[in-house]
PDB file of all heavy atoms in Angstrom:
ATOM      1  N   GLU A   1       0.839  -1.202   0.000  1.00  0.00           N
ATOM      2  CA  GLU A   1       0.000   0.000   0.000  1.00  0.00           C
ATOM      3  C   GLU A   1       0.874   1.254   0.000  1.00  0.00           C
ATOM      4  O   GLU A   1       0.608   2.211  -0.731  1.00  0.00           O
ATOM      5  CB  GLU A   1      -0.946   0.004   1.201  1.00  0.00           C
ATOM      6  CG  GLU A   1      -2.059  -1.034   1.101  1.00  0.00           C
ATOM      7  CD  GLU A   1      -3.069  -0.902   2.231  1.00  0.00           C
ATOM      8  OE1 GLU A   1      -2.976   0.074   3.009  1.00  0.00           O
ATOM      9  OE2 GLU A   1      -3.948  -1.779   2.336  1.00  0.00           O
ATOM     10  N   GLU A   2       1.928   1.237   0.824  1.00  0.00           N
ATOM     11  CA  GLU A   2       2.852   2.365   0.847  1.00  0.00           C
ATOM     12  C   GLU A   2       3.606   2.476  -0.480  1.00  0.00           C
ATOM     13  O   GLU A   2       3.842   3.580  -0.978  1.00  0.00           O
ATOM     14  CB  GLU A   2       3.842   2.214   1.994  1.00  0.00           C
ATOM     15  CG  GLU A   2       3.232   2.324   3.374  1.00  0.00           C
ATOM     16  CD  GLU A   2       4.257   2.015   4.444  1.00  0.00           C
ATOM     17  OE1 GLU A   2       5.059   2.912   4.764  1.00  0.00           O
ATOM     18  OE2 GLU A   2       4.255   0.872   4.951  1.00  0.00           O
ATOM     19  N   ARG A   3       3.956   1.340  -1.034  1.00  0.00           N
ATOM     20  CA  ARG A   3       4.629   1.328  -2.347  1.00  0.00           C
ATOM     21  C   ARG A   3       3.758   2.006  -3.398  1.00  0.00           C
ATOM     22  O   ARG A   3       4.225   2.820  -4.200  1.00  0.00           O
ATOM     23  CB  ARG A   3       4.921  -0.108  -2.762  1.00  0.00           C
ATOM     24  CG  ARG A   3       5.486  -0.253  -4.169  1.00  0.00           C
ATOM     25  CD  ARG A   3       5.204  -1.623  -4.740  1.00  0.00           C
ATOM     26  NE  ARG A   3       3.779  -1.884  -4.879  1.00  0.00           N
ATOM     27  CZ  ARG A   3       3.254  -3.057  -5.221  1.00  0.00           C
ATOM     28  NH1 ARG A   3       4.045  -4.097  -5.416  1.00  0.00           N
ATOM     29  NH2 ARG A   3       1.942  -3.215  -5.348  1.00  0.00           N
ATOM     30  N   ASP A   4       2.468   1.666  -3.384  1.00  0.00           N
ATOM     31  CA  ASP A   4       1.569   2.225  -4.390  1.00  0.00           C
ATOM     32  C   ASP A   4       1.384   3.728  -4.207  1.00  0.00           C
ATOM     33  O   ASP A   4       1.244   4.474  -5.191  1.00  0.00           O
ATOM     34  CB  ASP A   4       0.226   1.503  -4.346  1.00  0.00           C
ATOM     35  CG  ASP A   4       0.320   0.054  -4.811  1.00  0.00           C
ATOM     36  OD1 ASP A   4       1.356  -0.296  -5.420  1.00  0.00           O
ATOM     37  OD2 ASP A   4      -0.628  -0.716  -4.568  1.00  0.00           O
ATOM     38  N   ARG A   5       1.405   4.186  -2.966  1.00  0.00           N
ATOM     39  CA  ARG A   5       1.326   5.631  -2.735  1.00  0.00           C
ATOM     40  C   ARG A   5       2.601   6.326  -3.239  1.00  0.00           C
ATOM     41  O   ARG A   5       2.534   7.416  -3.811  1.00  0.00           O
ATOM     42  CB  ARG A   5       1.110   5.923  -1.245  1.00  0.00           C
ATOM     43  CG  ARG A   5      -0.299   5.599  -0.766  1.00  0.00           C
ATOM     44  CD  ARG A   5      -0.588   6.235   0.577  1.00  0.00           C
ATOM     45  NE  ARG A   5       0.215   5.659   1.656  1.00  0.00           N
ATOM     46  CZ  ARG A   5      -0.144   4.604   2.376  1.00  0.00           C
ATOM     47  NH1 ARG A   5      -1.299   3.977   2.132  1.00  0.00           N
ATOM     48  NH2 ARG A   5       0.635   4.161   3.348  1.00  0.00           N
ATOM     49  N   GLU A   6       3.736   5.677  -3.006  1.00  0.00           N
ATOM     50  CA  GLU A   6       4.999   6.246  -3.503  1.00  0.00           C
ATOM     51  C   GLU A   6       5.011   6.273  -5.027  1.00  0.00           C
ATOM     52  O   GLU A   6       5.473   7.252  -5.642  1.00  0.00           O
ATOM     53  CB  GLU A   6       6.179   5.438  -2.974  1.00  0.00           C
ATOM     54  CG  GLU A   6       7.543   5.927  -3.414  1.00  0.00           C
ATOM     55  CD  GLU A   6       7.929   7.285  -2.837  1.00  0.00           C
ATOM     56  OE1 GLU A   6       7.226   7.794  -1.937  1.00  0.00           O
ATOM     57  OE2 GLU A   6       8.947   7.843  -3.305  1.00  0.00           O
ATOM     58  N   LEU A   7       4.498   5.219  -5.643  1.00  0.00           N
ATOM     59  CA  LEU A   7       4.420   5.176  -7.100  1.00  0.00           C
ATOM     60  C   LEU A   7       3.528   6.300  -7.620  1.00  0.00           C
ATOM     61  O   LEU A   7       3.869   6.973  -8.607  1.00  0.00           O
ATOM     62  CB  LEU A   7       3.893   3.815  -7.551  1.00  0.00           C
ATOM     63  CG  LEU A   7       3.722   3.619  -9.060  1.00  0.00           C
ATOM     64  CD1 LEU A   7       5.050   3.775  -9.791  1.00  0.00           C
ATOM     65  CD2 LEU A   7       3.104   2.243  -9.336  1.00  0.00           C
ATOM     66  N   ALA A   8       2.405   6.533  -6.953  1.00  0.00           N
ATOM     67  CA  ALA A   8       1.512   7.626  -7.360  1.00  0.00           C
ATOM     68  C   ALA A   8       2.216   8.971  -7.241  1.00  0.00           C
ATOM     69  O   ALA A   8       2.044   9.857  -8.092  1.00  0.00           O
ATOM     70  CB  ALA A   8       0.235   7.597  -6.520  1.00  0.00           C
ATOM     71  N   ALA A   9       3.012   9.129  -6.176  1.00  0.00           N
ATOM     72  CA  ALA A   9       3.747  10.386  -5.996  1.00  0.00           C
ATOM     73  C   ALA A   9       4.804  10.558  -7.088  1.00  0.00           C
ATOM     74  O   ALA A   9       5.041  11.680  -7.562  1.00  0.00           O
ATOM     75  CB  ALA A   9       4.389  10.416  -4.614  1.00  0.00           C
ATOM     76  N   LEU A  10       5.437   9.477  -7.499  1.00  0.00           N
ATOM     77  CA  LEU A  10       6.405   9.549  -8.589  1.00  0.00           C
ATOM     78  C   LEU A  10       5.722   9.909  -9.903  1.00  0.00           C
ATOM     79  O   LEU A  10       6.252  10.707 -10.688  1.00  0.00           O
ATOM     80  CB  LEU A  10       7.148   8.213  -8.721  1.00  0.00           C
ATOM     81  CG  LEU A  10       8.190   7.925  -7.632  1.00  0.00           C
ATOM     82  CD1 LEU A  10       8.572   6.448  -7.637  1.00  0.00           C
ATOM     83  CD2 LEU A  10       9.424   8.801  -7.809  1.00  0.00           C
ATOM     84  N   ARG A  11       4.553   9.344 -10.129  1.00  0.00           N
ATOM     85  CA  ARG A  11       3.803   9.703 -11.342  1.00  0.00           C
ATOM     86  C   ARG A  11       3.466  11.189 -11.353  1.00  0.00           C
ATOM     87  O   ARG A  11       3.632  11.880 -12.361  1.00  0.00           O
ATOM     88  CB  ARG A  11       2.509   8.886 -11.419  1.00  0.00           C
ATOM     89  CG  ARG A  11       2.681   7.414 -11.735  1.00  0.00           C
ATOM     90  CD  ARG A  11       1.336   6.798 -12.062  1.00  0.00           C
ATOM     91  NE  ARG A  11       1.417   5.367 -12.266  1.00  0.00           N
ATOM     92  CZ  ARG A  11       0.901   4.449 -11.450  1.00  0.00           C
ATOM     93  NH1 ARG A  11       0.228   4.822 -10.361  1.00  0.00           N
ATOM     94  NH2 ARG A  11       1.021   3.170 -11.715  1.00  0.00           N
ATOM     95  N   ALA A  12       2.977  11.678 -10.215  1.00  0.00           N
ATOM     96  CA  ALA A  12       2.627  13.095 -10.123  1.00  0.00           C
ATOM     97  C   ALA A  12       3.866  13.969 -10.291  1.00  0.00           C
ATOM     98  O   ALA A  12       3.823  15.015 -10.963  1.00  0.00           O
ATOM     99  CB  ALA A  12       1.955  13.372  -8.780  1.00  0.00           C
ATOM    100  N   GLY A  13       4.988  13.550  -9.687  1.00  0.00           N
ATOM    101  CA  GLY A  13       6.224  14.303  -9.809  1.00  0.00           C
ATOM    102  C   GLY A  13       6.718  14.366 -11.240  1.00  0.00           C
ATOM    103  O   GLY A  13       7.206  15.410 -11.696  1.00  0.00           O
ATOM    104  N   ALA A  14       6.602  13.252 -11.962  1.00  0.00           N
ATOM    105  CA  ALA A  14       7.039  13.232 -13.357  1.00  0.00           C
ATOM    106  C   ALA A  14       6.204  14.191 -14.203  1.00  0.00           C
ATOM    107  O   ALA A  14       6.742  14.940 -15.028  1.00  0.00           O
ATOM    108  CB  ALA A  14       6.950  11.816 -13.907  1.00  0.00           C
ATOM    109  N   ALA A  15       4.908  14.187 -13.988  1.00  0.00           N
ATOM    110  CA  ALA A  15       4.034  15.097 -14.736  1.00  0.00           C
ATOM    111  C   ALA A  15       4.335  16.548 -14.386  1.00  0.00           C
ATOM    112  O   ALA A  15       4.359  17.427 -15.266  1.00  0.00           O
ATOM    113  CB  ALA A  15       2.575  14.763 -14.455  1.00  0.00           C
ATOM    114  N   TYR A  16       4.577  16.816 -13.111  1.00  0.00           N
ATOM    115  CA  TYR A  16       4.850  18.178 -12.668  1.00  0.00           C
ATOM    116  C   TYR A  16       6.178  18.674 -13.242  1.00  0.00           C
ATOM    117  O   TYR A  16       6.290  19.821 -13.677  1.00  0.00           O
ATOM    118  CB  TYR A  16       4.875  18.223 -11.144  1.00  0.00           C
ATOM    119  CG  TYR A  16       4.828  19.605 -10.557  1.00  0.00           C
ATOM    120  CD1 TYR A  16       3.748  20.443 -10.785  1.00  0.00           C
ATOM    121  CD2 TYR A  16       5.866  20.085  -9.761  1.00  0.00           C
ATOM    122  CE1 TYR A  16       3.701  21.721 -10.253  1.00  0.00           C
ATOM    123  CE2 TYR A  16       5.833  21.356  -9.209  1.00  0.00           C
ATOM    124  CZ  TYR A  16       4.741  22.172  -9.465  1.00  0.00           C
ATOM    125  OH  TYR A  16       4.688  23.436  -8.934  1.00  0.00           O
ATOM    126  N   ALA A  17       7.174  17.803 -13.261  1.00  0.00           N
ATOM    127  CA  ALA A  17       8.482  18.180 -13.813  1.00  0.00           C
ATOM    128  C   ALA A  17       8.367  18.495 -15.298  1.00  0.00           C
ATOM    129  O   ALA A  17       8.924  19.482 -15.787  1.00  0.00           O
ATOM    130  CB  ALA A  17       9.496  17.070 -13.566  1.00  0.00           C
ATOM    131  N   GLN A  18       7.651  17.669 -16.021  1.00  0.00           N
ATOM    132  CA  GLN A  18       7.492  17.919 -17.455  1.00  0.00           C
ATOM    133  C   GLN A  18       6.760  19.238 -17.698  1.00  0.00           C
ATOM    134  O   GLN A  18       7.096  19.988 -18.626  1.00  0.00           O
ATOM    135  CB  GLN A  18       6.743  16.776 -18.125  1.00  0.00           C
ATOM    136  CG  GLN A  18       6.613  16.952 -19.627  1.00  0.00           C
ATOM    137  CD  GLN A  18       6.042  15.735 -20.313  1.00  0.00           C
ATOM    138  OE1 GLN A  18       6.759  14.777 -20.613  1.00  0.00           O
ATOM    139  NE2 GLN A  18       4.736  15.749 -20.557  1.00  0.00           N
ATOM    140  N   SER A  19       5.790  19.544 -16.861  1.00  0.00           N
ATOM    141  CA  SER A  19       5.049  20.799 -17.013  1.00  0.00           C
ATOM    142  C   SER A  19       5.937  22.016 -16.786  1.00  0.00           C
ATOM    143  O   SER A  19       5.590  23.125 -17.194  1.00  0.00           O
ATOM    144  CB  SER A  19       3.853  20.837 -16.059  1.00  0.00           C
ATOM    145  OG  SER A  19       4.261  21.100 -14.717  1.00  0.00           O
ATOM    146  N   HIS A  20       7.075  21.825 -16.124  1.00  0.00           N
ATOM    147  CA  HIS A  20       8.031  22.902 -15.889  1.00  0.00           C
ATOM    148  C   HIS A  20       9.159  22.902 -16.929  1.00  0.00           C
ATOM    149  O   HIS A  20      10.187  23.559 -16.752  1.00  0.00           O
ATOM    150  CB  HIS A  20       8.626  22.796 -14.483  1.00  0.00           C
ATOM    151  CG  HIS A  20       7.727  23.347 -13.419  1.00  0.00           C
ATOM    152  ND1 HIS A  20       6.539  22.741 -13.071  1.00  0.00           N
ATOM    153  CD2 HIS A  20       7.828  24.471 -12.645  1.00  0.00           C
ATOM    154  CE1 HIS A  20       5.964  23.467 -12.113  1.00  0.00           C
ATOM    155  NE2 HIS A  20       6.717  24.513 -11.856  1.00  0.00           N
ATOM    156  N   GLY A  21       8.980  22.157 -18.005  1.00  0.00           N
ATOM    157  CA  GLY A  21       9.942  22.151 -19.088  1.00  0.00           C
ATOM    158  C   GLY A  21      11.155  21.275 -18.864  1.00  0.00           C
ATOM    159  O   GLY A  21      12.153  21.403 -19.587  1.00  0.00           O
ATOM    160  N   LEU A  22      11.086  20.376 -17.883  1.00  0.00           N
ATOM    161  CA  LEU A  22      12.210  19.498 -17.562  1.00  0.00           C
ATOM    162  C   LEU A  22      12.026  18.136 -18.221  1.00  0.00           C
ATOM    163  O   LEU A  22      10.924  17.587 -18.238  1.00  0.00           O
ATOM    164  CB  LEU A  22      12.312  19.311 -16.049  1.00  0.00           C
ATOM    165  CG  LEU A  22      12.668  20.581 -15.260  1.00  0.00           C
ATOM    166  CD1 LEU A  22      12.259  20.419 -13.801  1.00  0.00           C
ATOM    167  CD2 LEU A  22      14.158  20.871 -15.372  1.00  0.00           C
ATOM    168  N   GLU A  23      13.110  17.591 -18.762  1.00  0.00           N
ATOM    169  CA  GLU A  23      13.077  16.192 -19.191  1.00  0.00           C
ATOM    170  C   GLU A  23      13.161  15.326 -17.941  1.00  0.00           C
ATOM    171  O   GLU A  23      13.921  15.642 -17.019  1.00  0.00           O
ATOM    172  CB  GLU A  23      14.238  15.887 -20.137  1.00  0.00           C
ATOM    173  CG  GLU A  23      14.207  14.465 -20.678  1.00  0.00           C
ATOM    174  CD  GLU A  23      15.244  14.221 -21.765  1.00  0.00           C
ATOM    175  OE1 GLU A  23      15.287  15.000 -22.744  1.00  0.00           O
ATOM    176  OE2 GLU A  23      16.008  13.247 -21.629  1.00  0.00           O
ATOM    177  N   VAL A  24      12.416  14.224 -17.924  1.00  0.00           N
ATOM    178  CA  VAL A  24      12.310  13.413 -16.716  1.00  0.00           C
ATOM    179  C   VAL A  24      12.985  12.063 -16.917  1.00  0.00           C
ATOM    180  O   VAL A  24      12.672  11.328 -17.857  1.00  0.00           O
ATOM    181  CB  VAL A  24      10.835  13.201 -16.307  1.00  0.00           C
ATOM    182  CG1 VAL A  24      10.759  12.483 -14.956  1.00  0.00           C
ATOM    183  CG2 VAL A  24      10.085  14.526 -16.248  1.00  0.00           C
ATOM    184  N   HIS A  25      13.911  11.756 -16.007  1.00  0.00           N
ATOM    185  CA  HIS A  25      14.533  10.440 -15.922  1.00  0.00           C
ATOM    186  C   HIS A  25      14.185   9.851 -14.553  1.00  0.00           C
ATOM    187  O   HIS A  25      13.623  10.539 -13.698  1.00  0.00           O
ATOM    188  CB  HIS A  25      16.054  10.536 -16.072  1.00  0.00           C
ATOM    189  CG  HIS A  25      16.511  11.126 -17.365  1.00  0.00           C
ATOM    190  ND1 HIS A  25      17.845  11.360 -17.645  1.00  0.00           N
ATOM    191  CD2 HIS A  25      15.828  11.546 -18.463  1.00  0.00           C
ATOM    192  CE1 HIS A  25      17.964  11.873 -18.858  1.00  0.00           C
ATOM    193  NE2 HIS A  25      16.753  11.999 -19.365  1.00  0.00           N
ATOM    194  N   ALA A  26      14.537   8.602 -14.331  1.00  0.00           N
ATOM    195  CA  ALA A  26      14.305   7.983 -13.022  1.00  0.00           C
ATOM    196  C   ALA A  26      15.315   6.872 -12.806  1.00  0.00           C
ATOM    197  O   ALA A  26      15.861   6.309 -13.759  1.00  0.00           O
ATOM    198  CB  ALA A  26      12.881   7.428 -12.923  1.00  0.00           C
ATOM    199  N   GLY A  27      15.555   6.550 -11.533  1.00  0.00           N
ATOM    200  CA  GLY A  27      16.463   5.456 -11.236  1.00  0.00           C
ATOM    201  C   GLY A  27      16.766   5.331  -9.762  1.00  0.00           C
ATOM    202  O   GLY A  27      16.443   6.203  -8.972  1.00  0.00           O
ATOM    203  N   HIS A  28      17.343   4.245  -9.408  1.00  0.00           N
ATOM    204  CA  HIS A  28      17.855   3.831  -8.100  1.00  0.00           C
ATOM    205  C   HIS A  28      17.054   2.636  -7.581  1.00  0.00           C
ATOM    206  O   HIS A  28      15.873   2.736  -7.294  1.00  0.00           O
ATOM    207  CB  HIS A  28      17.831   4.935  -7.038  1.00  0.00           C
ATOM    208  CG  HIS A  28      18.792   4.651  -5.899  1.00  0.00           C
ATOM    209  ND1 HIS A  28      20.151   4.908  -5.999  1.00  0.00           N
ATOM    210  CD2 HIS A  28      18.608   4.121  -4.684  1.00  0.00           C
ATOM    211  CE1 HIS A  28      20.755   4.561  -4.879  1.00  0.00           C
ATOM    212  NE2 HIS A  28      19.848   4.071  -4.067  1.00  0.00           N
ATOM    213  N   GLY A  29      17.753   1.491  -7.514  1.00  0.00           N
ATOM    214  CA  GLY A  29      17.181   0.291  -6.920  1.00  0.00           C
ATOM    215  C   GLY A  29      16.266  -0.512  -7.823  1.00  0.00           C
ATOM    216  O   GLY A  29      15.682  -1.506  -7.374  1.00  0.00           O
ATOM    217  N   LEU A  30      16.111  -0.125  -9.073  1.00  0.00           N
ATOM    218  CA  LEU A  30      15.162  -0.810  -9.947  1.00  0.00           C
ATOM    219  C   LEU A  30      15.646  -2.217 -10.303  1.00  0.00           C
ATOM    220  O   LEU A  30      16.828  -2.453 -10.538  1.00  0.00           O
ATOM    221  CB  LEU A  30      14.939   0.001 -11.222  1.00  0.00           C
ATOM    222  CG  LEU A  30      14.214   1.334 -11.020  1.00  0.00           C
ATOM    223  CD1 LEU A  30      14.290   2.180 -12.288  1.00  0.00           C
ATOM    224  CD2 LEU A  30      12.762   1.103 -10.603  1.00  0.00           C
ATOM    225  N   THR A  31      14.692  -3.152 -10.328  1.00  0.00           N
ATOM    226  CA  THR A  31      14.942  -4.560 -10.646  1.00  0.00           C
ATOM    227  C   THR A  31      13.939  -5.016 -11.696  1.00  0.00           C
ATOM    228  O   THR A  31      13.048  -4.262 -12.091  1.00  0.00           O
ATOM    229  CB  THR A  31      14.778  -5.431  -9.389  1.00  0.00           C
ATOM    230  OG1 THR A  31      13.380  -5.451  -9.022  1.00  0.00           O
ATOM    231  CG2 THR A  31      15.602  -4.910  -8.215  1.00  0.00           C
ATOM    232  N   TYR A  32      14.061  -6.264 -12.115  1.00  0.00           N
ATOM    233  CA  TYR A  32      13.059  -6.818 -13.026  1.00  0.00           C
ATOM    234  C   TYR A  32      11.654  -6.721 -12.429  1.00  0.00           C
ATOM    235  O   TYR A  32      10.680  -6.523 -13.150  1.00  0.00           O
ATOM    236  CB  TYR A  32      13.357  -8.287 -13.321  1.00  0.00           C
ATOM    237  CG  TYR A  32      14.622  -8.564 -14.107  1.00  0.00           C
ATOM    238  CD1 TYR A  32      15.230  -9.815 -14.014  1.00  0.00           C
ATOM    239  CD2 TYR A  32      15.206  -7.613 -14.943  1.00  0.00           C
ATOM    240  CE1 TYR A  32      16.387 -10.107 -14.731  1.00  0.00           C
ATOM    241  CE2 TYR A  32      16.355  -7.893 -15.657  1.00  0.00           C
ATOM    242  CZ  TYR A  32      16.948  -9.146 -15.557  1.00  0.00           C
ATOM    243  OH  TYR A  32      18.087  -9.437 -16.261  1.00  0.00           O
ATOM    244  N   ASP A  33      11.542  -6.878 -11.114  1.00  0.00           N
ATOM    245  CA  ASP A  33      10.236  -6.880 -10.463  1.00  0.00           C
ATOM    246  C   ASP A  33       9.620  -5.488 -10.313  1.00  0.00           C
ATOM    247  O   ASP A  33       8.404  -5.370 -10.171  1.00  0.00           O
ATOM    248  CB  ASP A  33      10.337  -7.522  -9.072  1.00  0.00           C
ATOM    249  CG  ASP A  33      10.643  -9.006  -9.138  1.00  0.00           C
ATOM    250  OD1 ASP A  33      10.293  -9.642 -10.152  1.00  0.00           O
ATOM    251  OD2 ASP A  33      11.235  -9.524  -8.175  1.00  0.00           O
ATOM    252  N   THR A  34      10.450  -4.457 -10.294  1.00  0.00           N
ATOM    253  CA  THR A  34       9.928  -3.112 -10.011  1.00  0.00           C
ATOM    254  C   THR A  34       9.967  -2.173 -11.203  1.00  0.00           C
ATOM    255  O   THR A  34       9.380  -1.087 -11.149  1.00  0.00           O
ATOM    256  CB  THR A  34      10.718  -2.455  -8.859  1.00  0.00           C
ATOM    257  OG1 THR A  34      12.118  -2.442  -9.190  1.00  0.00           O
ATOM    258  CG2 THR A  34      10.511  -3.219  -7.560  1.00  0.00           C
ATOM    259  N   VAL A  35      10.622  -2.550 -12.277  1.00  0.00           N
ATOM    260  CA  VAL A  35      10.821  -1.604 -13.368  1.00  0.00           C
ATOM    261  C   VAL A  35       9.543  -1.293 -14.144  1.00  0.00           C
ATOM    262  O   VAL A  35       9.364  -0.168 -14.629  1.00  0.00           O
ATOM    263  CB  VAL A  35      11.932  -2.095 -14.327  1.00  0.00           C
ATOM    264  CG1 VAL A  35      11.456  -3.279 -15.176  1.00  0.00           C
ATOM    265  CG2 VAL A  35      12.433  -0.957 -15.204  1.00  0.00           C
ATOM    266  N   GLY A  36       8.631  -2.259 -14.265  1.00  0.00           N
ATOM    267  CA  GLY A  36       7.474  -2.084 -15.134  1.00  0.00           C
ATOM    268  C   GLY A  36       6.634  -0.851 -14.845  1.00  0.00           C
ATOM    269  O   GLY A  36       6.394  -0.021 -15.747  1.00  0.00           O
ATOM    270  N   PRO A  37       6.154  -0.672 -13.595  1.00  0.00           N
ATOM    271  CA  PRO A  37       5.319   0.502 -13.308  1.00  0.00           C
ATOM    272  C   PRO A  37       6.043   1.834 -13.510  1.00  0.00           C
ATOM    273  O   PRO A  37       5.408   2.832 -13.871  1.00  0.00           O
ATOM    274  CB  PRO A  37       4.938   0.294 -11.841  1.00  0.00           C
ATOM    275  CG  PRO A  37       4.999  -1.187 -11.638  1.00  0.00           C
ATOM    276  CD  PRO A  37       6.168  -1.627 -12.462  1.00  0.00           C
ATOM    277  N   ILE A  38       7.349   1.864 -13.279  1.00  0.00           N
ATOM    278  CA  ILE A  38       8.113   3.097 -13.505  1.00  0.00           C
ATOM    279  C   ILE A  38       8.275   3.337 -15.007  1.00  0.00           C
ATOM    280  O   ILE A  38       8.094   4.459 -15.496  1.00  0.00           O
ATOM    281  CB  ILE A  38       9.488   3.024 -12.822  1.00  0.00           C
ATOM    282  CG1 ILE A  38       9.330   2.843 -11.305  1.00  0.00           C
ATOM    283  CG2 ILE A  38      10.319   4.262 -13.135  1.00  0.00           C
ATOM    284  CD1 ILE A  38       8.646   3.993 -10.597  1.00  0.00           C
ATOM    285  N   ALA A  39       8.592   2.288 -15.741  1.00  0.00           N
ATOM    286  CA  ALA A  39       8.758   2.419 -17.190  1.00  0.00           C
ATOM    287  C   ALA A  39       7.459   2.846 -17.871  1.00  0.00           C
ATOM    288  O   ALA A  39       7.491   3.470 -18.943  1.00  0.00           O
ATOM    289  CB  ALA A  39       9.247   1.101 -17.774  1.00  0.00           C
ATOM    290  N   ALA A  40       6.338   2.534 -17.251  1.00  0.00           N
ATOM    291  CA  ALA A  40       5.039   2.868 -17.848  1.00  0.00           C
ATOM    292  C   ALA A  40       4.646   4.329 -17.662  1.00  0.00           C
ATOM    293  O   ALA A  40       3.683   4.792 -18.276  1.00  0.00           O
ATOM    294  CB  ALA A  40       3.959   1.967 -17.252  1.00  0.00           C
ATOM    295  N   ILE A  41       5.362   5.069 -16.824  1.00  0.00           N
ATOM    296  CA  ILE A  41       5.042   6.485 -16.611  1.00  0.00           C
ATOM    297  C   ILE A  41       5.408   7.249 -17.891  1.00  0.00           C
ATOM    298  O   ILE A  41       6.586   7.306 -18.264  1.00  0.00           O
ATOM    299  CB  ILE A  41       5.804   7.043 -15.395  1.00  0.00           C
ATOM    300  CG1 ILE A  41       5.366   6.310 -14.117  1.00  0.00           C
ATOM    301  CG2 ILE A  41       5.568   8.542 -15.255  1.00  0.00           C
ATOM    302  CD1 ILE A  41       6.182   6.661 -12.875  1.00  0.00           C
ATOM    303  N   PRO A  42       4.435   7.822 -18.576  1.00  0.00           N
ATOM    304  CA  PRO A  42       4.703   8.339 -19.933  1.00  0.00           C
ATOM    305  C   PRO A  42       5.678   9.498 -19.993  1.00  0.00           C
ATOM    306  O   PRO A  42       6.352   9.684 -21.010  1.00  0.00           O
ATOM    307  CB  PRO A  42       3.307   8.759 -20.431  1.00  0.00           C
ATOM    308  CG  PRO A  42       2.488   8.960 -19.194  1.00  0.00           C
ATOM    309  CD  PRO A  42       3.019   7.966 -18.198  1.00  0.00           C
ATOM    310  N   GLU A  43       5.773  10.303 -18.921  1.00  0.00           N
ATOM    311  CA  GLU A  43       6.669  11.451 -18.952  1.00  0.00           C
ATOM    312  C   GLU A  43       8.135  11.064 -18.822  1.00  0.00           C
ATOM    313  O   GLU A  43       9.022  11.857 -19.155  1.00  0.00           O
ATOM    314  CB  GLU A  43       6.314  12.434 -17.824  1.00  0.00           C
ATOM    315  CG  GLU A  43       4.976  13.120 -17.981  1.00  0.00           C
ATOM    316  CD  GLU A  43       3.815  12.288 -17.470  1.00  0.00           C
ATOM    317  OE1 GLU A  43       4.050  11.188 -16.901  1.00  0.00           O
ATOM    318  OE2 GLU A  43       2.660  12.739 -17.642  1.00  0.00           O
TER     319      GLU A  43
END
């Protein structure tokens, strides 16, 4: 449940960063099990 809230916050952060003209990257700790939801964030 906490993971999903953090994922939602990352999604919101990515959208907010793009709205400010920033290109958005992500990383740290990603594995085969965790990469999918992050990779799916369109920004």
